[in-house]
Amino acid sequence: MPQQRPPYGFSDFALTASAAGVRTALAEVLALTDFRFIGIWRFQGGRANAAVHYDRLQPEVLAAEEVAETATYCCYVKQSGAPFKTAHALVDERLTTHPAREAVAAYVGVPVMDSQGTIIGTLCHYDLQPRDVRQVDTALMLMIASYLTLNDLVPPYPG
């Protein structure tokens, strides 16, 4: 029986991460979608910040603003241990009281763990405009998150 191929993009990600770095590889993954941002967000002391940040409109910007962990949709990934998606936060009933709903309209995030299996952050696509979350290959994101952990490529909390 032939072996099933991994989702499109994983081998490209791994090769680019090895040759040019994680941020460049994530920019390539972002290019598979029309989302504006991709990042590896880390948690620390109730805060969240992007350890890796890529903005397709401003690729020279290397950092995002630190925020309360509960002010990100990443908190849902951390709480559930599973991917979280919203295509349009303003019409998503799960987010009626979330502080980011008027700023961050679309989000797809998966857990990033340490070597002991503790969720230490997320790998996520996000945008200020509503987006079709079906365009994001969640299986690919999960593979990338696992690869980052297994290869000790998850950067520390910024600062």
N, C-alpha and C. Protein backbone atom coordinates (compact mmCIF):
# COMPACT_ATOMS: atom_id res chain seq x y z
N MET A 1 0.85 -1.18 0.00
CA MET A 1 0.00 0.00 0.00
C MET A 1 0.90 1.24 0.00
N PRO A 2 0.65 2.19 -0.91
CA PRO A 2 1.49 3.38 -0.95
C PRO A 2 1.33 4.23 0.30
N GLN A 3 2.42 4.85 0.70
CA GLN A 3 2.40 5.71 1.88
C GLN A 3 1.70 7.02 1.53
N GLN A 4 0.84 7.48 2.44
CA GLN A 4 0.14 8.74 2.21
C GLN A 4 1.11 9.91 2.33
N ARG A 5 1.03 10.84 1.38
CA ARG A 5 1.90 12.02 1.40
C ARG A 5 1.41 13.01 2.44
N PRO A 6 2.33 13.72 3.07
CA PRO A 6 1.91 14.76 4.02
C PRO A 6 1.20 15.89 3.28
N PRO A 7 0.45 16.71 4.00
CA PRO A 7 -0.25 17.83 3.36
C PRO A 7 0.72 18.73 2.60
N TYR A 8 0.21 19.32 1.54
CA TYR A 8 1.03 20.23 0.71
C TYR A 8 1.68 21.30 1.56
N GLY A 9 2.91 21.55 1.32
CA GLY A 9 3.60 22.63 1.99
C GLY A 9 4.51 22.22 3.13
N PHE A 10 4.31 21.06 3.74
CA PHE A 10 5.13 20.71 4.90
C PHE A 10 6.61 20.56 4.53
N SER A 11 6.90 19.80 3.48
CA SER A 11 8.31 19.62 3.12
C SER A 11 8.93 20.96 2.72
N ASP A 12 8.16 21.80 2.04
CA ASP A 12 8.65 23.13 1.71
C ASP A 12 8.96 23.92 2.98
N PHE A 13 8.05 23.83 3.95
CA PHE A 13 8.27 24.53 5.22
C PHE A 13 9.56 24.04 5.88
N ALA A 14 9.71 22.74 6.00
CA ALA A 14 10.87 22.18 6.69
C ALA A 14 12.18 22.58 6.00
N LEU A 15 12.19 22.51 4.68
CA LEU A 15 13.40 22.89 3.94
C LEU A 15 13.72 24.37 4.10
N THR A 16 12.69 25.21 4.00
CA THR A 16 12.91 26.65 4.13
C THR A 16 13.32 27.01 5.56
N ALA A 17 12.68 26.40 6.55
CA ALA A 17 13.03 26.67 7.95
C ALA A 17 14.49 26.33 8.20
N SER A 18 14.94 25.23 7.63
CA SER A 18 16.33 24.81 7.80
C SER A 18 17.30 25.74 7.08
N ALA A 19 16.93 26.16 5.89
CA ALA A 19 17.84 26.97 5.07
C ALA A 19 17.78 28.46 5.36
N ALA A 20 16.57 28.98 5.63
CA ALA A 20 16.41 30.44 5.72
C ALA A 20 15.78 30.91 7.02
N GLY A 21 15.37 29.98 7.88
CA GLY A 21 14.80 30.35 9.16
C GLY A 21 13.29 30.19 9.23
N VAL A 22 12.80 30.13 10.45
CA VAL A 22 11.38 29.88 10.71
C VAL A 22 10.51 31.01 10.18
N ARG A 23 10.91 32.25 10.37
CA ARG A 23 10.08 33.38 9.93
C ARG A 23 9.87 33.35 8.42
N THR A 24 10.91 33.09 7.67
CA THR A 24 10.80 33.01 6.21
C THR A 24 9.90 31.84 5.82
N ALA A 25 10.05 30.72 6.50
CA ALA A 25 9.21 29.56 6.21
C ALA A 25 7.74 29.85 6.52
N LEU A 26 7.48 30.55 7.62
CA LEU A 26 6.10 30.91 7.95
C LEU A 26 5.53 31.88 6.92
N ALA A 27 6.33 32.77 6.40
CA ALA A 27 5.86 33.68 5.34
C ALA A 27 5.40 32.89 4.12
N GLU A 28 6.10 31.81 3.81
CA GLU A 28 5.68 30.96 2.69
C GLU A 28 4.36 30.27 2.99
N VAL A 29 4.16 29.83 4.22
CA VAL A 29 2.89 29.21 4.61
C VAL A 29 1.77 30.25 4.53
N LEU A 30 2.04 31.45 4.99
CA LEU A 30 1.05 32.52 4.90
C LEU A 30 0.64 32.78 3.46
N ALA A 31 1.58 32.68 2.54
CA ALA A 31 1.30 32.94 1.12
C ALA A 31 0.32 31.94 0.52
N LEU A 32 0.06 30.83 1.20
CA LEU A 32 -0.94 29.86 0.74
C LEU A 32 -2.36 30.35 1.01
N THR A 33 -2.49 31.46 1.74
CA THR A 33 -3.79 32.01 2.13
C THR A 33 -3.86 33.49 1.77
N ASP A 34 -5.02 34.10 2.06
CA ASP A 34 -5.10 35.56 1.92
C ASP A 34 -5.12 36.26 3.28
N PHE A 35 -4.79 35.54 4.34
CA PHE A 35 -4.67 36.16 5.66
C PHE A 35 -3.50 37.15 5.65
N ARG A 36 -3.58 38.15 6.52
CA ARG A 36 -2.52 39.16 6.57
C ARG A 36 -1.34 38.74 7.45
N PHE A 37 -1.63 38.09 8.57
CA PHE A 37 -0.59 37.80 9.57
C PHE A 37 -0.44 36.30 9.81
N ILE A 38 0.77 35.92 10.19
CA ILE A 38 1.03 34.60 10.75
C ILE A 38 2.03 34.81 11.88
N GLY A 39 1.94 33.99 12.91
CA GLY A 39 2.87 34.14 14.00
C GLY A 39 2.93 32.94 14.91
N ILE A 40 3.99 32.90 15.67
CA ILE A 40 4.10 31.98 16.80
C ILE A 40 3.96 32.85 18.04
N TRP A 41 2.83 32.70 18.71
CA TRP A 41 2.55 33.48 19.92
C TRP A 41 2.91 32.65 21.13
N ARG A 42 3.56 33.27 22.11
CA ARG A 42 3.96 32.60 23.35
C ARG A 42 3.20 33.19 24.52
N PHE A 43 2.99 32.36 25.53
CA PHE A 43 2.34 32.76 26.77
C PHE A 43 3.38 32.88 27.87
N GLN A 44 3.20 33.88 28.74
CA GLN A 44 4.07 34.00 29.92
C GLN A 44 3.40 34.94 30.92
N GLY A 45 3.18 34.44 32.11
CA GLY A 45 2.66 35.27 33.20
C GLY A 45 1.37 35.99 32.88
N GLY A 46 0.47 35.32 32.18
CA GLY A 46 -0.82 35.94 31.83
C GLY A 46 -0.76 36.87 30.64
N ARG A 47 0.39 36.96 30.00
CA ARG A 47 0.57 37.82 28.83
C ARG A 47 0.81 36.95 27.60
N ALA A 48 0.65 37.54 26.43
CA ALA A 48 0.93 36.86 25.16
C ALA A 48 1.67 37.82 24.25
N ASN A 49 2.61 37.26 23.48
CA ASN A 49 3.36 38.08 22.54
C ASN A 49 3.86 37.18 21.42
N ALA A 50 4.07 37.78 20.26
CA ALA A 50 4.55 37.02 19.11
C ALA A 50 6.07 36.84 19.19
N ALA A 51 6.49 35.59 19.32
CA ALA A 51 7.91 35.27 19.28
C ALA A 51 8.41 35.31 17.84
N VAL A 52 7.51 35.02 16.91
CA VAL A 52 7.76 35.18 15.47
C VAL A 52 6.51 35.86 14.91
N HIS A 53 6.72 36.91 14.14
CA HIS A 53 5.60 37.70 13.60
C HIS A 53 5.89 38.00 12.13
N TYR A 54 4.88 37.78 11.28
CA TYR A 54 5.02 38.15 9.88
C TYR A 54 3.73 38.81 9.41
N ASP A 55 3.86 40.01 8.87
CA ASP A 55 2.75 40.81 8.35
C ASP A 55 2.99 40.95 6.84
N ARG A 56 2.10 40.38 6.04
CA ARG A 56 2.31 40.41 4.59
C ARG A 56 2.34 41.83 4.04
N LEU A 57 1.64 42.78 4.69
CA LEU A 57 1.63 44.16 4.20
C LEU A 57 2.83 44.97 4.69
N GLN A 58 3.41 44.55 5.80
CA GLN A 58 4.58 45.24 6.36
C GLN A 58 5.61 44.19 6.81
N PRO A 59 6.22 43.50 5.86
CA PRO A 59 7.14 42.42 6.23
C PRO A 59 8.35 42.87 7.03
N GLU A 60 8.65 44.15 6.99
CA GLU A 60 9.79 44.66 7.76
C GLU A 60 9.49 44.74 9.25
N VAL A 61 8.21 44.70 9.63
CA VAL A 61 7.82 44.76 11.04
C VAL A 61 8.04 43.37 11.65
N LEU A 62 8.92 43.30 12.64
CA LEU A 62 9.31 42.01 13.21
C LEU A 62 8.58 41.65 14.49
N ALA A 63 7.85 42.59 15.07
CA ALA A 63 7.24 42.34 16.38
C ALA A 63 5.77 42.75 16.37
N ALA A 64 5.03 42.15 17.28
CA ALA A 64 3.65 42.53 17.53
C ALA A 64 3.60 43.13 18.94
N GLU A 65 2.46 43.65 19.30
CA GLU A 65 2.31 44.26 20.62
C GLU A 65 1.94 43.21 21.65
N GLU A 66 2.62 43.23 22.79
CA GLU A 66 2.28 42.33 23.89
C GLU A 66 0.89 42.69 24.41
N VAL A 67 0.10 41.65 24.69
CA VAL A 67 -1.26 41.85 25.19
C VAL A 67 -1.54 40.84 26.31
N ALA A 68 -2.63 41.08 27.02
CA ALA A 68 -3.08 40.08 27.99
C ALA A 68 -3.43 38.80 27.25
N GLU A 69 -3.08 37.67 27.82
CA GLU A 69 -3.38 36.38 27.19
C GLU A 69 -4.86 36.27 26.85
N THR A 70 -5.72 36.75 27.74
CA THR A 70 -7.16 36.65 27.53
C THR A 70 -7.66 37.62 26.46
N ALA A 71 -6.81 38.52 25.98
CA ALA A 71 -7.19 39.45 24.91
C ALA A 71 -6.86 38.89 23.53
N THR A 72 -6.46 37.62 23.47
CA THR A 72 -6.18 36.96 22.20
C THR A 72 -7.10 35.76 22.04
N TYR A 73 -7.33 35.36 20.81
CA TYR A 73 -8.08 34.12 20.57
C TYR A 73 -7.19 32.91 20.89
N CYS A 74 -5.91 33.15 21.04
CA CYS A 74 -4.98 32.08 21.44
C CYS A 74 -5.40 31.45 22.77
N CYS A 75 -6.08 32.23 23.62
CA CYS A 75 -6.51 31.69 24.91
C CYS A 75 -7.46 30.51 24.74
N TYR A 76 -8.25 30.50 23.66
CA TYR A 76 -9.16 29.38 23.41
C TYR A 76 -8.39 28.13 23.01
N VAL A 77 -7.31 28.31 22.28
CA VAL A 77 -6.45 27.18 21.92
C VAL A 77 -5.82 26.61 23.19
N LYS A 78 -5.33 27.49 24.05
CA LYS A 78 -4.69 27.04 25.29
C LYS A 78 -5.69 26.31 26.18
N GLN A 79 -6.89 26.86 26.32
CA GLN A 79 -7.90 26.25 27.19
C GLN A 79 -8.36 24.89 26.69
N SER A 80 -8.56 24.77 25.38
CA SER A 80 -9.11 23.53 24.83
C SER A 80 -8.05 22.52 24.43
N GLY A 81 -6.83 23.00 24.18
CA GLY A 81 -5.79 22.11 23.67
C GLY A 81 -6.02 21.70 22.23
N ALA A 82 -6.86 22.46 21.54
CA ALA A 82 -7.26 22.12 20.17
C ALA A 82 -7.26 23.38 19.31
N PRO A 83 -7.29 23.19 17.99
CA PRO A 83 -7.38 24.36 17.11
C PRO A 83 -8.63 25.18 17.40
N PHE A 84 -8.53 26.47 17.13
CA PHE A 84 -9.67 27.39 17.24
C PHE A 84 -9.71 28.21 15.97
N LYS A 85 -10.93 28.39 15.43
CA LYS A 85 -11.11 29.15 14.19
C LYS A 85 -12.29 30.08 14.34
N THR A 86 -12.15 31.26 13.77
CA THR A 86 -13.29 32.15 13.57
C THR A 86 -13.07 32.90 12.26
N ALA A 87 -14.08 32.87 11.40
CA ALA A 87 -14.01 33.55 10.11
C ALA A 87 -14.38 35.02 10.22
N HIS A 88 -15.26 35.32 11.21
CA HIS A 88 -15.77 36.69 11.35
C HIS A 88 -16.18 36.88 12.80
N ALA A 89 -15.29 37.44 13.59
CA ALA A 89 -15.50 37.55 15.03
C ALA A 89 -16.77 38.29 15.41
N LEU A 90 -17.16 39.28 14.64
CA LEU A 90 -18.34 40.07 15.00
C LEU A 90 -19.64 39.30 14.89
N VAL A 91 -19.65 38.20 14.15
CA VAL A 91 -20.87 37.39 14.04
C VAL A 91 -20.70 36.02 14.69
N ASP A 92 -19.58 35.79 15.34
CA ASP A 92 -19.31 34.53 16.03
C ASP A 92 -19.83 34.63 17.46
N GLU A 93 -20.87 33.88 17.77
CA GLU A 93 -21.51 33.95 19.09
C GLU A 93 -20.57 33.58 20.23
N ARG A 94 -19.54 32.82 19.97
CA ARG A 94 -18.58 32.45 21.01
C ARG A 94 -17.76 33.65 21.47
N LEU A 95 -17.74 34.71 20.67
CA LEU A 95 -16.85 35.83 20.92
C LEU A 95 -17.57 37.12 21.30
N THR A 96 -18.83 37.03 21.70
CA THR A 96 -19.62 38.25 21.95
C THR A 96 -19.02 39.15 23.02
N THR A 97 -18.28 38.60 23.96
CA THR A 97 -17.68 39.42 25.01
C THR A 97 -16.15 39.47 24.94
N HIS A 98 -15.58 38.92 23.88
CA HIS A 98 -14.12 38.88 23.79
C HIS A 98 -13.57 40.26 23.44
N PRO A 99 -12.52 40.70 24.14
CA PRO A 99 -12.00 42.05 23.91
C PRO A 99 -11.39 42.29 22.53
N ALA A 100 -11.00 41.24 21.81
CA ALA A 100 -10.36 41.43 20.51
C ALA A 100 -11.33 41.39 19.34
N ARG A 101 -12.60 41.12 19.60
CA ARG A 101 -13.52 40.84 18.49
C ARG A 101 -13.67 41.99 17.50
N GLU A 102 -13.50 43.22 17.93
CA GLU A 102 -13.63 44.34 17.00
C GLU A 102 -12.31 44.66 16.28
N ALA A 103 -11.22 44.14 16.77
CA ALA A 103 -9.91 44.41 16.16
C ALA A 103 -9.45 43.26 15.26
N VAL A 104 -9.51 42.04 15.77
CA VAL A 104 -9.06 40.87 15.02
C VAL A 104 -10.30 40.12 14.54
N ALA A 105 -10.55 40.19 13.24
CA ALA A 105 -11.79 39.65 12.69
C ALA A 105 -11.72 38.16 12.40
N ALA A 106 -10.57 37.66 11.99
CA ALA A 106 -10.45 36.26 11.59
C ALA A 106 -9.22 35.65 12.24
N TYR A 107 -9.33 34.35 12.56
CA TYR A 107 -8.25 33.68 13.30
C TYR A 107 -8.32 32.18 13.06
N VAL A 108 -7.17 31.57 12.87
CA VAL A 108 -7.02 30.12 12.88
C VAL A 108 -5.75 29.84 13.66
N GLY A 109 -5.87 29.14 14.79
CA GLY A 109 -4.69 28.86 15.61
C GLY A 109 -4.65 27.42 16.08
N VAL A 110 -3.44 26.91 16.24
CA VAL A 110 -3.22 25.56 16.75
C VAL A 110 -2.23 25.64 17.91
N PRO A 111 -2.27 24.65 18.82
CA PRO A 111 -1.34 24.69 19.96
C PRO A 111 0.11 24.45 19.56
N VAL A 112 0.99 25.14 20.27
CA VAL A 112 2.43 24.88 20.22
C VAL A 112 2.81 24.42 21.62
N MET A 113 3.47 23.27 21.70
CA MET A 113 3.79 22.67 23.00
C MET A 113 5.29 22.62 23.22
N ASP A 114 5.64 22.47 24.50
CA ASP A 114 7.04 22.20 24.80
C ASP A 114 7.25 20.69 24.74
N SER A 115 8.45 20.23 25.02
CA SER A 115 8.76 18.81 24.90
C SER A 115 8.03 17.93 25.92
N GLN A 116 7.44 18.55 26.96
CA GLN A 116 6.66 17.79 27.94
C GLN A 116 5.17 17.78 27.60
N GLY A 117 4.76 18.44 26.53
CA GLY A 117 3.36 18.47 26.12
C GLY A 117 2.55 19.61 26.71
N THR A 118 3.20 20.55 27.37
CA THR A 118 2.52 21.73 27.91
C THR A 118 2.35 22.75 26.80
N ILE A 119 1.14 23.30 26.68
CA ILE A 119 0.90 24.33 25.67
C ILE A 119 1.57 25.62 26.12
N ILE A 120 2.51 26.07 25.30
CA ILE A 120 3.28 27.28 25.63
C ILE A 120 2.96 28.43 24.68
N GLY A 121 2.13 28.15 23.68
CA GLY A 121 1.78 29.18 22.72
C GLY A 121 0.93 28.63 21.60
N THR A 122 0.86 29.41 20.53
CA THR A 122 0.08 29.01 19.36
C THR A 122 0.83 29.36 18.08
N LEU A 123 0.49 28.64 17.05
CA LEU A 123 0.85 29.00 15.68
C LEU A 123 -0.45 29.45 15.05
N CYS A 124 -0.50 30.68 14.56
CA CYS A 124 -1.80 31.17 14.10
C CYS A 124 -1.70 32.10 12.90
N HIS A 125 -2.77 32.03 12.09
CA HIS A 125 -3.05 33.00 11.04
C HIS A 125 -4.10 33.93 11.64
N TYR A 126 -4.01 35.23 11.35
CA TYR A 126 -5.05 36.15 11.81
C TYR A 126 -5.12 37.35 10.89
N ASP A 127 -6.25 38.05 10.97
CA ASP A 127 -6.46 39.17 10.06
C ASP A 127 -7.41 40.17 10.68
N LEU A 128 -7.33 41.40 10.21
CA LEU A 128 -8.21 42.46 10.66
C LEU A 128 -9.52 42.46 9.88
N GLN A 129 -9.56 41.69 8.80
CA GLN A 129 -10.76 41.54 7.97
C GLN A 129 -11.27 40.10 8.08
N PRO A 130 -12.58 39.89 7.91
CA PRO A 130 -13.08 38.51 7.88
C PRO A 130 -12.41 37.73 6.75
N ARG A 131 -12.14 36.47 7.01
CA ARG A 131 -11.50 35.59 6.02
C ARG A 131 -12.16 34.22 6.05
N ASP A 132 -12.05 33.50 4.95
CA ASP A 132 -12.54 32.13 4.87
C ASP A 132 -11.51 31.23 5.55
N VAL A 133 -11.87 30.69 6.71
CA VAL A 133 -10.92 29.87 7.46
C VAL A 133 -10.65 28.52 6.81
N ARG A 134 -11.50 28.13 5.87
CA ARG A 134 -11.30 26.84 5.19
C ARG A 134 -10.05 26.85 4.32
N GLN A 135 -9.54 28.03 3.98
CA GLN A 135 -8.33 28.10 3.15
C GLN A 135 -7.07 27.74 3.94
N VAL A 136 -7.16 27.73 5.26
CA VAL A 136 -6.01 27.40 6.10
C VAL A 136 -6.00 25.89 6.33
N ASP A 137 -4.91 25.26 6.01
CA ASP A 137 -4.75 23.82 6.18
C ASP A 137 -4.35 23.56 7.64
N THR A 138 -5.35 23.24 8.46
CA THR A 138 -5.11 23.03 9.89
C THR A 138 -4.17 21.85 10.13
N ALA A 139 -4.32 20.80 9.32
CA ALA A 139 -3.42 19.65 9.47
C ALA A 139 -1.97 20.06 9.22
N LEU A 140 -1.75 20.91 8.23
CA LEU A 140 -0.40 21.42 7.97
C LEU A 140 0.10 22.23 9.15
N MET A 141 -0.75 23.08 9.70
CA MET A 141 -0.34 23.89 10.86
C MET A 141 0.02 23.01 12.05
N LEU A 142 -0.75 21.95 12.29
CA LEU A 142 -0.44 21.03 13.39
C LEU A 142 0.90 20.33 13.16
N MET A 143 1.15 19.95 11.92
CA MET A 143 2.44 19.33 11.60
C MET A 143 3.59 20.30 11.83
N ILE A 144 3.40 21.54 11.42
CA ILE A 144 4.44 22.55 11.60
C ILE A 144 4.68 22.80 13.09
N ALA A 145 3.60 22.92 13.86
CA ALA A 145 3.75 23.14 15.31
C ALA A 145 4.53 22.00 15.95
N SER A 146 4.22 20.78 15.56
CA SER A 146 4.93 19.61 16.09
C SER A 146 6.40 19.64 15.66
N TYR A 147 6.64 19.95 14.41
CA TYR A 147 8.01 20.04 13.88
C TYR A 147 8.82 21.08 14.65
N LEU A 148 8.21 22.22 14.91
CA LEU A 148 8.91 23.28 15.65
C LEU A 148 9.34 22.78 17.03
N THR A 149 8.44 22.07 17.71
CA THR A 149 8.76 21.53 19.04
C THR A 149 9.84 20.46 18.96
N LEU A 150 9.64 19.50 18.07
CA LEU A 150 10.57 18.37 17.97
C LEU A 150 11.98 18.80 17.56
N ASN A 151 12.08 19.91 16.86
CA ASN A 151 13.38 20.39 16.38
C ASN A 151 13.90 21.58 17.18
N ASP A 152 13.28 21.82 18.33
CA ASP A 152 13.69 22.90 19.23
C ASP A 152 13.77 24.25 18.51
N LEU A 153 12.72 24.53 17.72
CA LEU A 153 12.68 25.76 16.94
C LEU A 153 11.65 26.76 17.46
N VAL A 154 11.03 26.47 18.60
CA VAL A 154 10.07 27.41 19.18
C VAL A 154 10.86 28.47 19.93
N PRO A 155 10.79 29.71 19.46
CA PRO A 155 11.56 30.77 20.13
C PRO A 155 11.01 31.06 21.53
N PRO A 156 11.84 31.60 22.40
CA PRO A 156 11.37 31.97 23.74
C PRO A 156 10.43 33.17 23.68
N TYR A 157 9.80 33.43 24.81
CA TYR A 157 8.95 34.61 24.92
C TYR A 157 9.80 35.85 24.63
N PRO A 158 9.29 36.77 23.81
CA PRO A 158 10.09 37.96 23.47
C PRO A 158 10.44 38.80 24.70
N GLY A 159 11.57 39.43 24.61
CA GLY A 159 11.97 40.37 25.66
C GLY A 159 12.99 39.87 26.53
